[in-house]
N, C-alpha and C. Protein backbone atom coordinates (compact mmCIF):
# COMPACT_ATOMS: atom_id res chain seq x y z
N UNK A 1 26.02 163.07 230.67
CA UNK A 1 25.06 162.60 229.69
C UNK A 1 25.70 162.70 228.31
N UNK A 2 25.53 161.67 227.53
CA UNK A 2 26.11 161.64 226.21
C UNK A 2 25.27 162.40 225.19
N UNK A 3 25.84 162.66 224.02
CA UNK A 3 25.12 163.42 223.01
C UNK A 3 23.86 162.73 222.51
N UNK A 4 23.89 161.40 222.42
CA UNK A 4 22.71 160.66 221.94
C UNK A 4 21.53 160.86 222.90
N UNK A 5 21.79 160.66 224.19
CA UNK A 5 20.73 160.78 225.19
C UNK A 5 20.25 162.23 225.31
N UNK A 6 21.20 163.18 225.30
CA UNK A 6 20.84 164.59 225.41
C UNK A 6 19.97 165.05 224.25
N UNK A 7 20.35 164.68 223.04
CA UNK A 7 19.57 165.07 221.87
C UNK A 7 18.20 164.41 221.88
N UNK A 8 18.14 163.15 222.28
CA UNK A 8 16.85 162.45 222.36
C UNK A 8 15.91 163.13 223.34
N UNK A 9 16.45 163.57 224.48
CA UNK A 9 15.61 164.23 225.48
C UNK A 9 15.18 165.61 225.00
N UNK A 10 16.05 166.31 224.28
CA UNK A 10 15.67 167.62 223.72
C UNK A 10 14.54 167.44 222.72
N UNK A 11 14.66 166.43 221.86
CA UNK A 11 13.64 166.20 220.84
C UNK A 11 12.32 165.74 221.46
N UNK A 12 12.39 165.10 222.63
CA UNK A 12 11.17 164.69 223.34
C UNK A 12 10.43 165.90 223.90
N UNK A 13 11.16 166.98 224.19
CA UNK A 13 10.54 168.22 224.63
C UNK A 13 10.92 168.62 226.03
N UNK A 14 10.89 169.95 226.28
CA UNK A 14 11.12 170.57 227.57
C UNK A 14 12.42 170.10 228.23
N UNK A 15 13.49 170.14 227.47
CA UNK A 15 14.79 169.77 228.00
C UNK A 15 15.83 170.63 227.32
N UNK A 16 16.86 171.02 228.06
CA UNK A 16 17.92 171.87 227.55
C UNK A 16 19.23 171.09 227.61
N UNK A 17 19.99 171.16 226.54
CA UNK A 17 21.24 170.40 226.47
C UNK A 17 22.31 171.27 225.82
N UNK A 18 23.45 171.40 226.47
CA UNK A 18 24.58 172.17 225.95
C UNK A 18 25.65 171.21 225.47
N UNK A 19 26.13 171.44 224.28
CA UNK A 19 27.23 170.64 223.75
C UNK A 19 27.87 171.42 222.61
N UNK A 20 28.88 170.86 222.02
CA UNK A 20 29.57 171.47 220.90
C UNK A 20 28.60 171.67 219.75
N UNK A 21 28.73 172.81 219.05
CA UNK A 21 27.85 173.17 217.94
C UNK A 21 27.80 172.08 216.87
N UNK A 22 28.97 171.59 216.47
CA UNK A 22 29.02 170.59 215.40
C UNK A 22 28.47 169.25 215.86
N UNK A 23 28.71 168.90 217.10
CA UNK A 23 28.18 167.65 217.64
C UNK A 23 26.65 167.69 217.66
N UNK A 24 26.09 168.81 218.08
CA UNK A 24 24.64 168.95 218.11
C UNK A 24 24.07 168.87 216.70
N UNK A 25 24.72 169.54 215.74
CA UNK A 25 24.23 169.50 214.36
C UNK A 25 24.22 168.09 213.81
N UNK A 26 25.26 167.32 214.12
CA UNK A 26 25.30 165.93 213.65
C UNK A 26 24.17 165.13 214.28
N UNK A 27 23.95 165.29 215.59
CA UNK A 27 22.91 164.54 216.28
C UNK A 27 21.52 164.90 215.76
N UNK A 28 21.26 166.19 215.57
CA UNK A 28 19.93 166.61 215.08
C UNK A 28 19.71 166.11 213.66
N UNK A 29 20.74 166.22 212.82
CA UNK A 29 20.61 165.75 211.43
C UNK A 29 20.43 164.23 211.38
N UNK A 30 21.05 163.52 212.30
CA UNK A 30 20.92 162.07 212.33
C UNK A 30 19.50 161.67 212.75
N UNK A 31 18.91 162.39 213.71
CA UNK A 31 17.58 162.06 214.19
C UNK A 31 16.48 162.57 213.27
N UNK A 32 16.81 163.56 212.45
CA UNK A 32 15.79 164.17 211.59
C UNK A 32 15.41 163.21 210.48
N UNK A 33 14.14 163.07 210.24
CA UNK A 33 13.67 162.25 209.12
C UNK A 33 13.80 163.03 207.83
N UNK A 34 13.44 162.42 206.73
CA UNK A 34 13.57 163.05 205.43
C UNK A 34 12.72 164.31 205.33
N UNK A 35 11.53 164.31 205.94
CA UNK A 35 10.65 165.47 205.80
C UNK A 35 10.25 166.07 207.15
N UNK A 36 10.78 165.54 208.24
CA UNK A 36 10.39 166.03 209.57
C UNK A 36 11.05 167.36 209.86
N UNK A 37 10.33 168.23 210.53
CA UNK A 37 10.86 169.51 210.95
C UNK A 37 10.99 169.47 212.47
N UNK A 38 12.21 169.63 212.95
CA UNK A 38 12.47 169.52 214.37
C UNK A 38 12.61 170.92 214.96
N UNK A 39 11.78 171.28 215.93
CA UNK A 39 11.84 172.62 216.52
C UNK A 39 12.97 172.73 217.54
N UNK A 40 14.19 172.81 217.07
CA UNK A 40 15.35 172.92 217.94
C UNK A 40 16.04 174.23 217.62
N UNK A 41 16.43 174.97 218.64
CA UNK A 41 17.16 176.21 218.44
C UNK A 41 18.62 175.97 218.75
N UNK A 42 19.47 176.25 217.80
CA UNK A 42 20.91 176.18 218.01
C UNK A 42 21.42 177.61 217.98
N UNK A 43 22.16 177.99 218.97
CA UNK A 43 22.61 179.37 219.13
C UNK A 43 23.37 179.86 217.90
N UNK A 44 23.20 181.13 217.59
CA UNK A 44 23.93 181.70 216.46
C UNK A 44 25.31 182.18 216.86
N UNK A 45 25.56 182.30 218.16
CA UNK A 45 26.89 182.67 218.63
C UNK A 45 27.77 181.44 218.64
N UNK A 46 28.85 181.50 217.88
CA UNK A 46 29.76 180.36 217.80
C UNK A 46 31.04 180.71 218.54
N UNK A 47 31.44 179.83 219.41
CA UNK A 47 32.68 179.99 220.13
C UNK A 47 33.73 179.11 219.46
N UNK A 48 35.01 179.40 219.69
CA UNK A 48 36.03 178.58 219.02
C UNK A 48 35.84 177.10 219.29
N UNK A 49 36.01 176.29 218.24
CA UNK A 49 35.77 174.86 218.34
C UNK A 49 36.74 174.21 219.32
N UNK A 50 38.00 174.55 219.22
CA UNK A 50 39.02 173.96 220.08
C UNK A 50 39.80 175.08 220.76
N UNK A 51 39.25 175.70 221.80
CA UNK A 51 39.94 176.83 222.41
C UNK A 51 41.23 176.43 223.12
N UNK A 52 41.40 175.14 223.43
CA UNK A 52 42.59 174.71 224.15
C UNK A 52 43.72 174.27 223.23
N UNK A 53 43.46 174.13 221.95
CA UNK A 53 44.50 173.67 221.04
C UNK A 53 45.39 174.83 220.61
N UNK A 54 46.61 174.52 220.31
CA UNK A 54 47.54 175.53 219.84
C UNK A 54 48.59 174.90 218.95
N UNK A 55 49.35 175.74 218.31
CA UNK A 55 50.45 175.30 217.46
C UNK A 55 51.75 175.65 218.15
N UNK A 56 52.66 174.73 218.16
CA UNK A 56 53.95 174.97 218.81
C UNK A 56 55.04 175.10 217.75
N UNK A 57 55.72 176.22 217.79
CA UNK A 57 56.85 176.47 216.90
C UNK A 57 58.04 176.89 217.74
N UNK A 58 59.20 176.65 217.21
CA UNK A 58 60.38 177.12 217.92
C UNK A 58 60.42 178.64 217.88
N UNK A 59 61.07 179.22 218.86
CA UNK A 59 61.15 180.67 218.95
C UNK A 59 61.93 181.22 217.76
N UNK A 60 61.37 182.23 217.11
CA UNK A 60 62.04 182.88 215.99
C UNK A 60 61.86 182.15 214.67
N UNK A 61 60.94 181.21 214.59
CA UNK A 61 60.71 180.49 213.33
C UNK A 61 60.25 181.49 212.27
N UNK A 62 60.82 181.44 211.07
CA UNK A 62 60.51 182.46 210.07
C UNK A 62 59.13 182.31 209.42
N UNK A 63 58.46 181.21 209.62
CA UNK A 63 57.21 180.97 208.92
C UNK A 63 55.97 181.18 209.80
N UNK A 64 56.13 181.67 211.01
CA UNK A 64 54.99 181.84 211.91
C UNK A 64 53.99 182.85 211.34
N UNK A 65 54.49 183.97 210.83
CA UNK A 65 53.59 185.00 210.28
C UNK A 65 52.82 184.46 209.08
N UNK A 66 53.50 183.72 208.21
CA UNK A 66 52.82 183.16 207.03
C UNK A 66 51.80 182.10 207.45
N UNK A 67 52.13 181.33 208.46
CA UNK A 67 51.20 180.31 208.96
C UNK A 67 49.96 180.96 209.55
N UNK A 68 50.14 181.99 210.37
CA UNK A 68 49.01 182.71 210.95
C UNK A 68 48.15 183.37 209.87
N UNK A 69 48.81 183.91 208.84
CA UNK A 69 48.08 184.53 207.73
C UNK A 69 47.26 183.50 206.96
N UNK A 70 47.84 182.31 206.74
CA UNK A 70 47.11 181.26 206.02
C UNK A 70 45.89 180.81 206.82
N UNK A 71 46.03 180.64 208.12
CA UNK A 71 44.89 180.25 208.96
C UNK A 71 43.82 181.34 208.94
N UNK A 72 44.24 182.60 209.02
CA UNK A 72 43.28 183.70 209.01
C UNK A 72 42.54 183.77 207.68
N UNK A 73 43.24 183.52 206.59
CA UNK A 73 42.59 183.52 205.26
C UNK A 73 41.57 182.40 205.16
N UNK A 74 41.89 181.22 205.69
CA UNK A 74 40.93 180.12 205.68
C UNK A 74 39.67 180.48 206.46
N UNK A 75 39.85 181.11 207.61
CA UNK A 75 38.71 181.51 208.42
C UNK A 75 37.90 182.60 207.73
N UNK A 76 38.58 183.61 207.18
CA UNK A 76 37.88 184.72 206.53
C UNK A 76 37.14 184.29 205.28
N UNK A 77 37.69 183.33 204.55
CA UNK A 77 37.04 182.86 203.34
C UNK A 77 35.85 181.95 203.64
N UNK A 78 35.72 181.50 204.86
CA UNK A 78 34.60 180.64 205.23
C UNK A 78 34.83 179.18 204.87
N UNK A 79 36.08 178.82 204.56
CA UNK A 79 36.35 177.44 204.17
C UNK A 79 36.21 176.47 205.33
N UNK A 80 36.52 176.91 206.53
CA UNK A 80 36.39 176.03 207.69
C UNK A 80 34.92 175.64 207.88
N UNK A 81 34.03 176.63 207.80
CA UNK A 81 32.60 176.33 207.93
C UNK A 81 32.11 175.45 206.78
N UNK A 82 32.58 175.73 205.57
CA UNK A 82 32.20 174.92 204.42
C UNK A 82 32.65 173.48 204.59
N UNK A 83 33.88 173.29 205.03
CA UNK A 83 34.41 171.94 205.23
C UNK A 83 33.65 171.21 206.33
N UNK A 84 33.36 171.93 207.41
CA UNK A 84 32.63 171.28 208.51
C UNK A 84 31.22 170.89 208.08
N UNK A 85 30.55 171.77 207.31
CA UNK A 85 29.21 171.41 206.79
C UNK A 85 29.30 170.19 205.89
N UNK A 86 30.33 170.13 205.05
CA UNK A 86 30.50 168.98 204.15
C UNK A 86 30.77 167.70 204.94
N UNK A 87 31.59 167.80 205.98
CA UNK A 87 31.89 166.63 206.82
C UNK A 87 30.62 166.13 207.50
N UNK A 88 29.81 167.05 208.02
CA UNK A 88 28.57 166.66 208.70
C UNK A 88 27.61 166.02 207.71
N UNK A 89 27.43 166.63 206.54
CA UNK A 89 26.51 166.07 205.54
C UNK A 89 26.96 164.70 205.07
N UNK A 90 28.25 164.52 204.87
CA UNK A 90 28.78 163.23 204.44
C UNK A 90 28.57 162.17 205.52
N UNK A 91 28.84 162.54 206.76
CA UNK A 91 28.66 161.60 207.87
C UNK A 91 27.20 161.17 208.00
N UNK A 92 26.30 162.15 207.98
CA UNK A 92 24.88 161.85 208.14
C UNK A 92 24.38 161.01 206.97
N UNK A 93 24.81 161.33 205.75
CA UNK A 93 24.40 160.55 204.58
C UNK A 93 24.88 159.12 204.69
N UNK A 94 26.15 158.93 205.05
CA UNK A 94 26.68 157.57 205.20
C UNK A 94 25.98 156.81 206.32
N UNK A 95 25.68 157.50 207.41
CA UNK A 95 25.00 156.84 208.53
C UNK A 95 23.60 156.41 208.11
N UNK A 96 22.89 157.26 207.38
CA UNK A 96 21.55 156.89 206.90
C UNK A 96 21.63 155.73 205.92
N UNK A 97 22.63 155.73 205.05
CA UNK A 97 22.79 154.61 204.12
C UNK A 97 23.07 153.32 204.87
N UNK A 98 23.91 153.39 205.90
CA UNK A 98 24.21 152.20 206.68
C UNK A 98 22.97 151.71 207.41
N UNK A 99 22.21 152.64 207.98
CA UNK A 99 21.00 152.25 208.70
C UNK A 99 19.97 151.64 207.76
N UNK A 100 19.78 152.25 206.60
CA UNK A 100 18.80 151.70 205.66
C UNK A 100 19.30 150.39 205.06
N UNK A 101 20.63 150.26 204.87
CA UNK A 101 21.18 149.01 204.36
C UNK A 101 21.05 147.88 205.37
N UNK A 102 21.24 148.19 206.64
CA UNK A 102 21.13 147.14 207.66
C UNK A 102 19.68 146.74 207.87
N UNK A 103 18.74 147.63 207.61
CA UNK A 103 17.33 147.29 207.76
C UNK A 103 16.85 146.42 206.60
N UNK A 104 17.45 146.61 205.41
CA UNK A 104 17.00 145.85 204.25
C UNK A 104 17.50 144.42 204.30
N UNK A 105 18.81 144.25 204.14
CA UNK A 105 19.33 142.88 204.06
C UNK A 105 20.67 142.70 204.76
N UNK A 106 21.07 143.69 205.54
CA UNK A 106 22.33 143.56 206.26
C UNK A 106 23.54 144.00 205.47
N UNK A 107 23.38 144.34 204.20
CA UNK A 107 24.50 144.78 203.38
C UNK A 107 24.34 146.26 203.05
N UNK A 108 25.45 146.95 203.04
CA UNK A 108 25.45 148.36 202.66
C UNK A 108 25.59 148.44 201.16
N UNK A 109 24.63 149.10 200.52
CA UNK A 109 24.69 149.25 199.08
C UNK A 109 24.76 150.72 198.75
N UNK A 110 25.75 151.09 197.96
CA UNK A 110 25.90 152.48 197.56
C UNK A 110 24.89 152.80 196.46
N UNK A 111 24.41 154.03 196.41
CA UNK A 111 23.47 154.38 195.36
C UNK A 111 24.15 154.35 194.00
N UNK A 112 23.45 153.87 192.99
CA UNK A 112 24.05 153.75 191.67
C UNK A 112 23.67 154.90 190.75
N UNK A 113 22.80 155.78 191.21
CA UNK A 113 22.33 156.87 190.36
C UNK A 113 23.21 158.10 190.44
N UNK A 114 24.28 158.09 191.19
CA UNK A 114 25.16 159.25 191.30
C UNK A 114 25.30 159.66 192.75
N UNK A 115 25.80 160.84 192.95
CA UNK A 115 26.00 161.35 194.29
C UNK A 115 24.66 161.61 194.96
N UNK A 116 24.60 161.39 196.27
CA UNK A 116 23.36 161.53 197.02
C UNK A 116 22.88 162.98 196.99
N UNK A 117 23.81 163.93 197.02
CA UNK A 117 23.44 165.33 197.04
C UNK A 117 23.24 165.90 195.64
N UNK A 118 23.46 165.09 194.60
CA UNK A 118 23.28 165.56 193.24
C UNK A 118 24.48 166.33 192.71
N UNK A 119 25.58 166.33 193.42
CA UNK A 119 26.75 167.06 192.98
C UNK A 119 27.60 166.16 192.10
N UNK A 120 28.21 166.77 191.09
CA UNK A 120 29.05 166.03 190.16
C UNK A 120 30.41 166.71 190.11
N UNK A 121 31.46 165.93 190.09
CA UNK A 121 32.81 166.48 189.97
C UNK A 121 33.02 166.89 188.53
N UNK A 122 33.45 168.14 188.33
CA UNK A 122 33.66 168.63 186.97
C UNK A 122 34.92 168.01 186.37
N UNK A 123 34.82 167.63 185.13
CA UNK A 123 35.96 167.08 184.40
C UNK A 123 36.16 167.84 183.11
N UNK A 124 37.10 167.40 182.29
CA UNK A 124 37.35 168.05 181.02
C UNK A 124 36.14 167.95 180.10
N UNK A 125 35.38 166.90 180.24
CA UNK A 125 34.19 166.73 179.40
C UNK A 125 33.21 167.89 179.63
N UNK A 126 33.10 168.37 180.86
CA UNK A 126 32.19 169.46 181.17
C UNK A 126 32.72 170.81 180.70
N UNK A 127 34.03 170.89 180.49
CA UNK A 127 34.65 172.17 180.13
C UNK A 127 35.00 172.26 178.64
N UNK A 128 34.51 171.37 177.81
CA UNK A 128 34.85 171.37 176.39
C UNK A 128 34.46 172.67 175.71
N UNK A 129 33.29 173.19 175.99
CA UNK A 129 32.84 174.42 175.35
C UNK A 129 33.79 175.56 175.66
N UNK A 130 34.27 175.61 176.89
CA UNK A 130 35.21 176.66 177.28
C UNK A 130 36.47 176.58 176.44
N UNK A 131 36.99 175.39 176.25
CA UNK A 131 38.20 175.24 175.44
C UNK A 131 37.93 175.55 173.97
N UNK A 132 36.75 175.19 173.46
CA UNK A 132 36.41 175.52 172.08
C UNK A 132 36.37 177.03 171.88
N UNK A 133 35.77 177.74 172.79
CA UNK A 133 35.72 179.20 172.70
C UNK A 133 37.13 179.78 172.78
N UNK A 134 37.95 179.23 173.63
CA UNK A 134 39.33 179.69 173.74
C UNK A 134 40.09 179.50 172.43
N UNK A 135 39.96 178.32 171.82
CA UNK A 135 40.66 178.05 170.57
C UNK A 135 40.11 178.90 169.43
N UNK A 136 38.82 179.13 169.37
CA UNK A 136 38.24 180.00 168.33
C UNK A 136 38.75 181.42 168.51
N UNK A 137 38.84 181.89 169.73
CA UNK A 137 39.38 183.23 169.99
C UNK A 137 40.83 183.35 169.57
N UNK A 138 41.63 182.33 169.88
CA UNK A 138 43.03 182.34 169.45
C UNK A 138 43.14 182.31 167.93
N UNK A 139 42.30 181.52 167.29
CA UNK A 139 42.34 181.44 165.82
C UNK A 139 41.93 182.78 165.21
N UNK A 140 40.90 183.42 165.75
CA UNK A 140 40.48 184.73 165.24
C UNK A 140 41.56 185.77 165.45
N UNK A 141 42.21 185.73 166.59
CA UNK A 141 43.31 186.66 166.85
C UNK A 141 44.48 186.44 165.91
N UNK A 142 44.81 185.18 165.67
CA UNK A 142 45.92 184.86 164.74
C UNK A 142 45.58 185.29 163.33
N UNK A 143 44.37 185.03 162.88
CA UNK A 143 43.96 185.44 161.53
C UNK A 143 43.97 186.96 161.38
N UNK A 144 43.48 187.67 162.38
CA UNK A 144 43.50 189.13 162.29
C UNK A 144 44.92 189.67 162.31
N UNK A 145 45.80 189.03 163.08
CA UNK A 145 47.21 189.44 163.11
C UNK A 145 47.86 189.21 161.73
N UNK A 146 47.61 188.04 161.14
CA UNK A 146 48.19 187.74 159.82
C UNK A 146 47.62 188.69 158.76
N UNK A 147 46.33 188.98 158.82
CA UNK A 147 45.73 189.92 157.86
C UNK A 147 46.32 191.32 158.01
N UNK A 148 46.53 191.74 159.23
CA UNK A 148 47.10 193.06 159.47
C UNK A 148 48.54 193.16 159.01
N UNK A 149 49.33 192.13 159.26
CA UNK A 149 50.74 192.18 158.84
C UNK A 149 50.88 192.03 157.34
N UNK A 150 49.98 191.30 156.68
CA UNK A 150 50.09 191.16 155.23
C UNK A 150 49.61 192.42 154.51
N UNK A 151 48.72 193.21 155.07
CA UNK A 151 48.22 194.44 154.43
C UNK A 151 49.17 195.61 154.66
N UNK A 152 50.03 195.54 155.61
CA UNK A 152 50.93 196.68 155.87
C UNK A 152 52.29 196.48 155.28
């Protein structure tokens, strides 16, 4: 049974379906309406996403320890979960836009009011105050240094 059919039967009621955690989240988010609350329980125990995958290195490669450390840091920092949540949200948002675009006139139209989630990429324009404070601090430090050296 495919994920579409399994999720549909779970949402219909009295059915149990096992699948990958991320696949189920995508399916539930895709079927969920804007305000609908779906009574679905997804287990809190997470098993490795790809238990059969591995990395192959030649024997005695000097970078294996650094590679393992980098992967462990990504896992410990929670970046993998953050990235997967972002991928799921982006996919579901794009799918909803495509579905609503195909229902309207057959064309996909991107929203013109900004990002769908309300997030904005920070630029230098947003950080101007920080740079102003930095320059004022440097100017105050320089003036105090010049005043101190001229008085002594």
